[in-house]
Amino acid sequence: MKRVCRQCKVFVDEGKGSCQMCKNSDFATAWQGRINIIDPVKSFISKKVELTREGDYALKIR
């Protein structure tokens, strides 16, 4: 099951103890929607959801 960082909403691998982006260790397993940002500078969607780094993000965390 995929885990998502509660602070920055990035997907985190199972074996990792903390988030690679924000160093947070609080994760959620219940999430909805997924977005993959490849080029945050050119992406209209990344600007709308205020994401500045490339990666795989959850849109909503429960």
N, C-alpha and C. Protein backbone atom coordinates (compact mmCIF):
# COMPACT_ATOMS: atom_id res chain seq x y z
N MET A 1 0.83 -1.18 0.00
CA MET A 1 0.00 0.00 0.00
C MET A 1 0.89 1.25 0.00
N LYS A 2 0.53 2.21 -0.80
CA LYS A 2 1.31 3.45 -0.92
C LYS A 2 1.09 4.33 0.31
N ARG A 3 2.17 4.97 0.75
CA ARG A 3 2.11 5.91 1.86
C ARG A 3 2.36 7.31 1.33
N VAL A 4 1.70 8.29 1.96
CA VAL A 4 1.80 9.68 1.54
C VAL A 4 2.21 10.53 2.74
N CYS A 5 3.16 11.42 2.53
CA CYS A 5 3.58 12.35 3.58
C CYS A 5 2.42 13.32 3.87
N ARG A 6 2.06 13.46 5.12
CA ARG A 6 0.95 14.35 5.48
C ARG A 6 1.30 15.82 5.31
N GLN A 7 2.55 16.18 5.31
CA GLN A 7 2.95 17.58 5.21
C GLN A 7 3.03 18.06 3.76
N CYS A 8 3.76 17.33 2.91
CA CYS A 8 3.96 17.81 1.53
C CYS A 8 3.20 16.99 0.49
N LYS A 9 2.50 15.92 0.90
CA LYS A 9 1.64 15.09 0.06
C LYS A 9 2.38 14.30 -1.02
N VAL A 10 3.66 14.09 -0.88
CA VAL A 10 4.41 13.30 -1.83
C VAL A 10 4.33 11.82 -1.45
N PHE A 11 4.35 10.93 -2.44
CA PHE A 11 4.35 9.50 -2.17
C PHE A 11 5.72 9.06 -1.68
N VAL A 12 5.74 8.19 -0.68
CA VAL A 12 6.98 7.74 -0.04
C VAL A 12 7.06 6.22 -0.16
N ASP A 13 8.25 5.70 -0.46
CA ASP A 13 8.46 4.26 -0.55
C ASP A 13 8.27 3.60 0.81
N GLU A 14 7.88 2.33 0.80
CA GLU A 14 7.61 1.58 2.02
C GLU A 14 8.80 1.53 2.97
N GLY A 15 9.99 1.35 2.46
CA GLY A 15 11.17 1.18 3.31
C GLY A 15 11.71 2.46 3.93
N LYS A 16 11.24 3.60 3.48
CA LYS A 16 11.77 4.88 3.97
C LYS A 16 11.19 5.21 5.34
N GLY A 17 12.03 5.75 6.22
CA GLY A 17 11.59 6.15 7.55
C GLY A 17 11.09 7.57 7.61
N SER A 18 11.50 8.38 6.63
CA SER A 18 11.04 9.77 6.59
C SER A 18 10.90 10.22 5.13
N CYS A 19 10.19 11.31 4.95
CA CYS A 19 9.95 11.86 3.61
C CYS A 19 11.26 12.42 3.06
N GLN A 20 11.54 12.14 1.78
CA GLN A 20 12.78 12.63 1.18
C GLN A 20 12.73 14.12 0.87
N MET A 21 11.55 14.74 0.83
CA MET A 21 11.45 16.17 0.52
C MET A 21 11.44 17.05 1.77
N CYS A 22 10.65 16.67 2.78
CA CYS A 22 10.50 17.55 3.94
C CYS A 22 10.98 16.93 5.24
N LYS A 23 11.48 15.71 5.18
CA LYS A 23 12.03 14.99 6.36
C LYS A 23 10.98 14.70 7.43
N ASN A 24 9.70 14.79 7.08
CA ASN A 24 8.61 14.47 7.99
C ASN A 24 8.49 12.95 8.12
N SER A 25 8.02 12.45 9.26
CA SER A 25 7.86 11.01 9.43
C SER A 25 6.42 10.63 9.74
N ASP A 26 5.46 11.52 9.45
CA ASP A 26 4.04 11.26 9.64
C ASP A 26 3.42 10.96 8.28
N PHE A 27 2.95 9.72 8.11
CA PHE A 27 2.43 9.27 6.81
C PHE A 27 0.97 8.86 6.89
N ALA A 28 0.28 8.95 5.76
CA ALA A 28 -1.11 8.51 5.64
C ALA A 28 -1.18 7.40 4.60
N THR A 29 -2.13 6.48 4.78
CA THR A 29 -2.34 5.43 3.78
C THR A 29 -3.67 5.62 3.06
N ALA A 30 -4.51 6.54 3.54
CA ALA A 30 -5.79 6.82 2.90
C ALA A 30 -5.66 8.13 2.13
N TRP A 31 -5.75 8.04 0.81
CA TRP A 31 -5.60 9.22 -0.04
C TRP A 31 -6.49 9.08 -1.26
N GLN A 32 -6.75 10.21 -1.93
CA GLN A 32 -7.54 10.21 -3.16
C GLN A 32 -6.85 11.08 -4.19
N GLY A 33 -6.89 10.64 -5.43
CA GLY A 33 -6.33 11.41 -6.53
C GLY A 33 -4.81 11.39 -6.52
N ARG A 34 -4.27 11.41 -7.71
CA ARG A 34 -2.82 11.35 -7.85
C ARG A 34 -2.41 12.26 -9.00
N ILE A 35 -1.31 12.98 -8.80
CA ILE A 35 -0.80 13.87 -9.84
C ILE A 35 0.71 13.67 -9.94
N ASN A 36 1.20 13.62 -11.16
CA ASN A 36 2.63 13.45 -11.40
C ASN A 36 3.14 14.73 -12.06
N ILE A 37 3.98 15.45 -11.36
CA ILE A 37 4.54 16.70 -11.88
C ILE A 37 5.92 16.39 -12.47
N ILE A 38 6.07 16.67 -13.76
CA ILE A 38 7.34 16.41 -14.45
C ILE A 38 8.16 17.69 -14.57
N ASP A 39 7.51 18.77 -14.98
CA ASP A 39 8.19 20.06 -15.12
C ASP A 39 7.37 21.14 -14.41
N PRO A 40 7.66 21.41 -13.13
CA PRO A 40 6.84 22.36 -12.38
C PRO A 40 6.90 23.79 -12.89
N VAL A 41 7.93 24.16 -13.60
CA VAL A 41 8.05 25.52 -14.12
C VAL A 41 7.05 25.77 -15.26
N LYS A 42 6.88 24.79 -16.13
CA LYS A 42 6.00 24.95 -17.29
C LYS A 42 4.57 24.46 -17.04
N SER A 43 4.34 23.73 -15.96
CA SER A 43 3.04 23.12 -15.70
C SER A 43 2.03 24.10 -15.12
N PHE A 44 0.89 24.23 -15.80
CA PHE A 44 -0.20 25.07 -15.30
C PHE A 44 -0.78 24.46 -14.02
N ILE A 45 -0.92 23.16 -13.99
CA ILE A 45 -1.51 22.48 -12.83
C ILE A 45 -0.62 22.62 -11.60
N SER A 46 0.69 22.51 -11.76
CA SER A 46 1.58 22.65 -10.59
C SER A 46 1.48 24.05 -9.99
N LYS A 47 1.23 25.04 -10.82
CA LYS A 47 1.06 26.41 -10.31
C LYS A 47 -0.27 26.55 -9.57
N LYS A 48 -1.31 25.89 -10.07
CA LYS A 48 -2.63 25.94 -9.44
C LYS A 48 -2.62 25.30 -8.06
N VAL A 49 -1.93 24.16 -7.91
CA VAL A 49 -1.88 23.46 -6.62
C VAL A 49 -0.63 23.82 -5.83
N GLU A 50 0.13 24.80 -6.32
CA GLU A 50 1.30 25.36 -5.64
C GLU A 50 2.37 24.31 -5.33
N LEU A 51 2.76 23.55 -6.34
CA LEU A 51 3.85 22.58 -6.22
C LEU A 51 5.05 23.10 -6.99
N THR A 52 6.21 23.11 -6.34
CA THR A 52 7.39 23.68 -6.97
C THR A 52 8.46 22.64 -7.30
N ARG A 53 8.24 21.38 -6.89
CA ARG A 53 9.22 20.32 -7.16
C ARG A 53 8.56 19.19 -7.92
N GLU A 54 9.32 18.54 -8.79
CA GLU A 54 8.75 17.43 -9.52
C GLU A 54 8.59 16.23 -8.60
N GLY A 55 7.60 15.40 -8.93
CA GLY A 55 7.34 14.22 -8.11
C GLY A 55 5.93 13.72 -8.28
N ASP A 56 5.58 12.71 -7.50
CA ASP A 56 4.27 12.05 -7.52
C ASP A 56 3.54 12.45 -6.25
N TYR A 57 2.39 13.13 -6.37
CA TYR A 57 1.68 13.71 -5.23
C TYR A 57 0.26 13.18 -5.13
N ALA A 58 -0.27 13.13 -3.90
CA ALA A 58 -1.67 12.85 -3.65
C ALA A 58 -2.42 14.17 -3.63
N LEU A 59 -3.65 14.18 -4.15
CA LEU A 59 -4.42 15.41 -4.15
C LEU A 59 -5.17 15.63 -2.84
N LYS A 60 -5.63 14.53 -2.22
CA LYS A 60 -6.38 14.64 -0.99
C LYS A 60 -5.96 13.54 -0.03
N ILE A 61 -5.70 13.90 1.21
CA ILE A 61 -5.31 12.93 2.24
C ILE A 61 -6.42 12.89 3.28
N ARG A 62 -6.80 11.67 3.65
CA ARG A 62 -7.82 11.52 4.69
C ARG A 62 -7.21 11.17 6.00
